């Protein structure tokens, strides 16, 4: 049920033993389905965070693996029902 309350689900990176967890995409939004690039340098993910016009919808985002340079992969394209992948499934 949508009661209008914003939620936040984040993607974290941490040591193998779970130490030092750090959010990679800390803006308000439901970030989900992270997929690391084959070389480990980038992460694609789905999020309902607001785009540049303030509109929230499931879209595909991409960022560097350290959490920097987060940006829409295809501005305007909605990804309902899709999760990112770096290769054909």
N, C-alpha and C. Protein backbone atom coordinates (compact mmCIF):
# COMPACT_ATOMS: atom_id res chain seq x y z
N UNK A 1 0.83 -1.17 0.00
CA UNK A 1 0.00 0.00 0.00
C UNK A 1 0.88 1.24 0.00
N UNK A 2 0.55 2.22 -0.83
CA UNK A 2 1.31 3.44 -0.91
C UNK A 2 0.63 4.52 -0.08
N UNK A 3 1.23 4.85 1.06
CA UNK A 3 0.63 5.88 1.91
C UNK A 3 1.33 7.23 1.73
N UNK A 4 2.18 7.34 0.70
CA UNK A 4 2.87 8.59 0.42
C UNK A 4 4.15 8.78 1.20
N UNK A 5 4.51 7.85 2.08
CA UNK A 5 5.73 7.95 2.86
C UNK A 5 6.91 7.52 2.00
N UNK A 6 7.94 8.38 1.91
CA UNK A 6 9.12 8.02 1.15
C UNK A 6 9.90 6.94 1.89
N UNK A 7 10.44 6.01 1.14
CA UNK A 7 11.26 4.97 1.75
C UNK A 7 12.64 5.01 1.13
N UNK A 8 13.55 4.30 1.73
CA UNK A 8 14.92 4.29 1.25
C UNK A 8 15.50 2.89 1.42
N UNK A 9 15.81 2.24 0.33
CA UNK A 9 16.50 0.96 0.33
C UNK A 9 17.80 1.20 -0.40
N UNK A 10 18.91 0.86 0.22
CA UNK A 10 20.21 1.23 -0.33
C UNK A 10 21.06 0.04 -0.72
N UNK A 11 22.04 0.31 -1.56
CA UNK A 11 23.05 -0.67 -1.95
C UNK A 11 24.30 -0.35 -1.14
N UNK A 12 24.81 -1.36 -0.44
CA UNK A 12 26.00 -1.18 0.39
C UNK A 12 27.17 -1.98 -0.16
N UNK A 13 28.37 -1.51 0.12
CA UNK A 13 29.59 -2.28 -0.12
C UNK A 13 30.24 -2.46 1.25
N UNK A 14 30.83 -3.63 1.47
CA UNK A 14 31.47 -3.89 2.76
C UNK A 14 32.54 -4.97 2.60
N UNK A 15 33.33 -5.14 3.62
CA UNK A 15 34.35 -6.18 3.63
C UNK A 15 33.68 -7.55 3.63
N UNK A 16 34.42 -8.57 3.26
CA UNK A 16 33.88 -9.94 3.19
C UNK A 16 33.30 -10.39 4.53
N UNK A 17 33.83 -9.89 5.64
CA UNK A 17 33.32 -10.28 6.95
C UNK A 17 32.17 -9.39 7.42
N UNK A 18 31.71 -8.46 6.56
CA UNK A 18 30.60 -7.58 6.88
C UNK A 18 31.02 -6.29 7.58
N UNK A 19 32.32 -6.12 7.79
CA UNK A 19 32.81 -4.92 8.46
C UNK A 19 32.76 -3.72 7.52
N UNK A 20 32.66 -2.54 8.11
CA UNK A 20 32.75 -1.27 7.41
C UNK A 20 31.72 -1.11 6.28
N UNK A 21 30.42 -1.35 6.57
CA UNK A 21 29.42 -1.16 5.53
C UNK A 21 29.30 0.31 5.13
N UNK A 22 29.18 0.56 3.84
CA UNK A 22 29.08 1.93 3.32
C UNK A 22 28.04 1.97 2.21
N UNK A 23 27.04 2.87 2.34
CA UNK A 23 26.05 2.98 1.27
C UNK A 23 26.66 3.58 0.01
N UNK A 24 26.32 3.01 -1.14
CA UNK A 24 26.86 3.51 -2.40
C UNK A 24 25.94 4.51 -3.08
N UNK A 25 24.66 4.42 -2.83
CA UNK A 25 23.70 5.31 -3.48
C UNK A 25 22.74 5.85 -2.42
N UNK A 26 23.19 6.78 -1.58
CA UNK A 26 22.42 7.15 -0.39
C UNK A 26 21.23 8.10 -0.59
N UNK A 27 20.83 8.41 -1.80
CA UNK A 27 19.66 9.27 -1.99
C UNK A 27 18.38 8.50 -1.72
N UNK A 28 17.30 9.23 -1.40
CA UNK A 28 16.02 8.57 -1.14
C UNK A 28 15.54 7.84 -2.38
N UNK A 29 15.23 6.58 -2.22
CA UNK A 29 14.74 5.76 -3.31
C UNK A 29 14.86 4.30 -2.95
N UNK A 30 14.16 3.47 -3.67
CA UNK A 30 14.28 2.03 -3.48
C UNK A 30 15.27 1.54 -4.53
N UNK A 31 16.53 1.39 -4.11
CA UNK A 31 17.60 0.91 -4.98
C UNK A 31 17.64 -0.61 -4.89
N UNK A 32 17.66 -1.27 -6.03
CA UNK A 32 17.59 -2.73 -6.01
C UNK A 32 18.27 -3.34 -7.23
N UNK A 33 18.45 -4.64 -7.17
CA UNK A 33 18.99 -5.44 -8.28
C UNK A 33 20.35 -4.96 -8.78
N UNK A 34 21.33 -4.73 -7.89
CA UNK A 34 22.64 -4.28 -8.37
C UNK A 34 23.30 -5.35 -9.23
N UNK A 35 23.95 -4.92 -10.29
CA UNK A 35 24.69 -5.82 -11.18
C UNK A 35 26.05 -5.19 -11.45
N UNK A 36 27.12 -5.88 -11.02
CA UNK A 36 28.47 -5.36 -11.22
C UNK A 36 28.93 -5.65 -12.65
N UNK A 37 29.66 -4.71 -13.22
CA UNK A 37 30.23 -4.91 -14.56
C UNK A 37 31.23 -6.06 -14.49
N UNK A 38 31.51 -6.70 -15.62
CA UNK A 38 32.46 -7.83 -15.61
C UNK A 38 33.83 -7.48 -15.02
N UNK A 39 34.27 -6.23 -15.19
CA UNK A 39 35.58 -5.86 -14.63
C UNK A 39 35.48 -5.30 -13.21
N UNK A 40 34.25 -5.23 -12.67
CA UNK A 40 34.04 -4.77 -11.30
C UNK A 40 34.13 -3.27 -11.11
N UNK A 41 34.24 -2.50 -12.18
CA UNK A 41 34.44 -1.06 -12.04
C UNK A 41 33.13 -0.26 -11.95
N UNK A 42 32.01 -0.86 -12.37
CA UNK A 42 30.74 -0.13 -12.38
C UNK A 42 29.62 -1.02 -11.84
N UNK A 43 28.55 -0.37 -11.38
CA UNK A 43 27.36 -1.07 -10.91
C UNK A 43 26.15 -0.46 -11.61
N UNK A 44 25.33 -1.31 -12.18
CA UNK A 44 24.03 -0.88 -12.71
C UNK A 44 22.99 -1.33 -11.69
N UNK A 45 21.94 -0.53 -11.52
CA UNK A 45 20.90 -0.89 -10.56
C UNK A 45 19.58 -0.23 -10.97
N UNK A 46 18.50 -0.74 -10.41
CA UNK A 46 17.19 -0.16 -10.64
C UNK A 46 16.82 0.65 -9.41
N UNK A 47 16.20 1.81 -9.63
CA UNK A 47 15.80 2.65 -8.51
C UNK A 47 14.57 3.46 -8.90
N UNK A 48 13.75 3.77 -7.89
CA UNK A 48 12.61 4.65 -8.13
C UNK A 48 12.91 6.06 -7.65
N UNK A 49 14.19 6.39 -7.46
CA UNK A 49 14.54 7.74 -7.04
C UNK A 49 14.11 8.74 -8.10
N UNK A 50 13.95 9.99 -7.70
CA UNK A 50 13.49 11.03 -8.61
C UNK A 50 14.53 11.34 -9.69
N UNK A 51 14.05 11.57 -10.90
CA UNK A 51 14.94 11.98 -11.97
C UNK A 51 15.16 13.49 -11.88
N UNK A 52 15.80 14.09 -12.85
CA UNK A 52 16.09 15.52 -12.85
C UNK A 52 14.86 16.40 -12.81
N UNK A 53 13.70 15.86 -13.18
CA UNK A 53 12.45 16.62 -13.15
C UNK A 53 11.63 16.33 -11.90
N UNK A 54 12.18 15.56 -10.96
CA UNK A 54 11.48 15.24 -9.73
C UNK A 54 10.46 14.11 -9.85
N UNK A 55 10.46 13.40 -10.98
CA UNK A 55 9.51 12.30 -11.20
C UNK A 55 10.12 10.99 -10.73
N UNK A 56 9.37 10.25 -9.89
CA UNK A 56 9.85 8.96 -9.40
C UNK A 56 9.21 7.84 -10.21
N UNK A 57 10.04 6.95 -10.72
CA UNK A 57 9.61 5.76 -11.47
C UNK A 57 10.80 4.82 -11.49
N UNK A 58 10.53 3.51 -11.64
CA UNK A 58 11.64 2.55 -11.75
C UNK A 58 12.40 2.82 -13.03
N UNK A 59 13.67 3.17 -12.85
CA UNK A 59 14.56 3.43 -13.98
C UNK A 59 15.89 2.76 -13.71
N UNK A 60 16.68 2.56 -14.76
CA UNK A 60 18.01 1.98 -14.60
C UNK A 60 19.03 3.10 -14.41
N UNK A 61 19.87 2.90 -13.41
CA UNK A 61 20.93 3.85 -13.07
C UNK A 61 22.26 3.12 -13.19
N UNK A 62 23.34 3.87 -13.28
CA UNK A 62 24.69 3.30 -13.33
C UNK A 62 25.60 4.20 -12.49
N UNK A 63 26.60 3.60 -11.85
CA UNK A 63 27.56 4.38 -11.06
C UNK A 63 28.89 3.64 -11.05
N UNK A 64 29.93 4.36 -10.66
CA UNK A 64 31.22 3.71 -10.45
C UNK A 64 31.10 2.80 -9.23
N UNK A 65 31.90 1.78 -9.14
CA UNK A 65 31.80 0.80 -8.05
C UNK A 65 32.09 1.43 -6.68
N UNK A 66 32.70 2.60 -6.64
CA UNK A 66 32.92 3.27 -5.35
C UNK A 66 31.75 4.17 -4.96
N UNK A 67 30.67 4.17 -5.78
CA UNK A 67 29.48 4.96 -5.49
C UNK A 67 29.48 6.34 -6.14
N UNK A 68 30.57 6.72 -6.79
CA UNK A 68 30.63 8.03 -7.42
C UNK A 68 29.97 8.01 -8.81
N UNK A 69 29.62 9.18 -9.29
CA UNK A 69 29.12 9.38 -10.64
C UNK A 69 27.83 8.60 -10.93
N UNK A 70 26.89 8.60 -9.99
CA UNK A 70 25.61 7.93 -10.20
C UNK A 70 24.78 8.74 -11.18
N UNK A 71 24.24 8.07 -12.20
CA UNK A 71 23.47 8.77 -13.23
C UNK A 71 22.49 7.82 -13.89
N UNK A 72 21.45 8.39 -14.48
CA UNK A 72 20.48 7.59 -15.22
C UNK A 72 21.16 6.96 -16.43
N UNK A 73 20.88 5.69 -16.65
CA UNK A 73 21.46 5.02 -17.81
C UNK A 73 20.77 5.49 -19.09
N UNK A 74 19.45 5.54 -19.07
CA UNK A 74 18.67 6.03 -20.21
C UNK A 74 17.60 6.97 -19.69
N UNK A 75 17.88 8.27 -19.62
CA UNK A 75 16.89 9.21 -19.09
C UNK A 75 15.54 9.05 -19.81
N UNK A 76 14.48 9.04 -19.02
CA UNK A 76 13.14 8.92 -19.59
C UNK A 76 12.65 7.50 -19.77
N UNK A 77 13.55 6.52 -19.83
CA UNK A 77 13.15 5.13 -20.03
C UNK A 77 12.75 4.52 -18.69
N UNK A 78 11.59 3.88 -18.64
CA UNK A 78 11.11 3.25 -17.41
C UNK A 78 11.46 1.77 -17.46
N UNK A 79 11.84 1.21 -16.30
CA UNK A 79 12.32 -0.18 -16.23
C UNK A 79 11.41 -1.06 -15.41
N UNK A 80 10.10 -0.82 -15.44
CA UNK A 80 9.17 -1.65 -14.67
C UNK A 80 9.34 -3.12 -15.04
N UNK A 81 9.58 -3.94 -14.03
CA UNK A 81 9.69 -5.38 -14.25
C UNK A 81 11.04 -5.84 -14.74
N UNK A 82 12.00 -4.95 -14.87
CA UNK A 82 13.31 -5.32 -15.39
C UNK A 82 14.38 -5.11 -14.34
N UNK A 83 15.40 -5.94 -14.37
CA UNK A 83 16.59 -5.78 -13.54
C UNK A 83 17.78 -5.66 -14.50
N UNK A 84 18.76 -4.86 -14.18
CA UNK A 84 19.89 -4.69 -15.08
C UNK A 84 20.77 -5.94 -15.17
N UNK A 85 21.41 -6.10 -16.30
CA UNK A 85 22.37 -7.19 -16.51
C UNK A 85 23.42 -6.68 -17.49
N UNK A 86 24.64 -7.14 -17.35
CA UNK A 86 25.72 -6.70 -18.24
C UNK A 86 25.83 -7.57 -19.48
N UNK A 87 25.05 -8.64 -19.54
CA UNK A 87 25.08 -9.53 -20.70
C UNK A 87 23.68 -10.11 -20.88
N UNK A 88 23.45 -10.76 -21.98
CA UNK A 88 22.16 -11.42 -22.21
C UNK A 88 21.95 -12.48 -21.15
N UNK A 89 20.71 -12.64 -20.75
CA UNK A 89 20.37 -13.68 -19.77
C UNK A 89 19.90 -14.91 -20.46
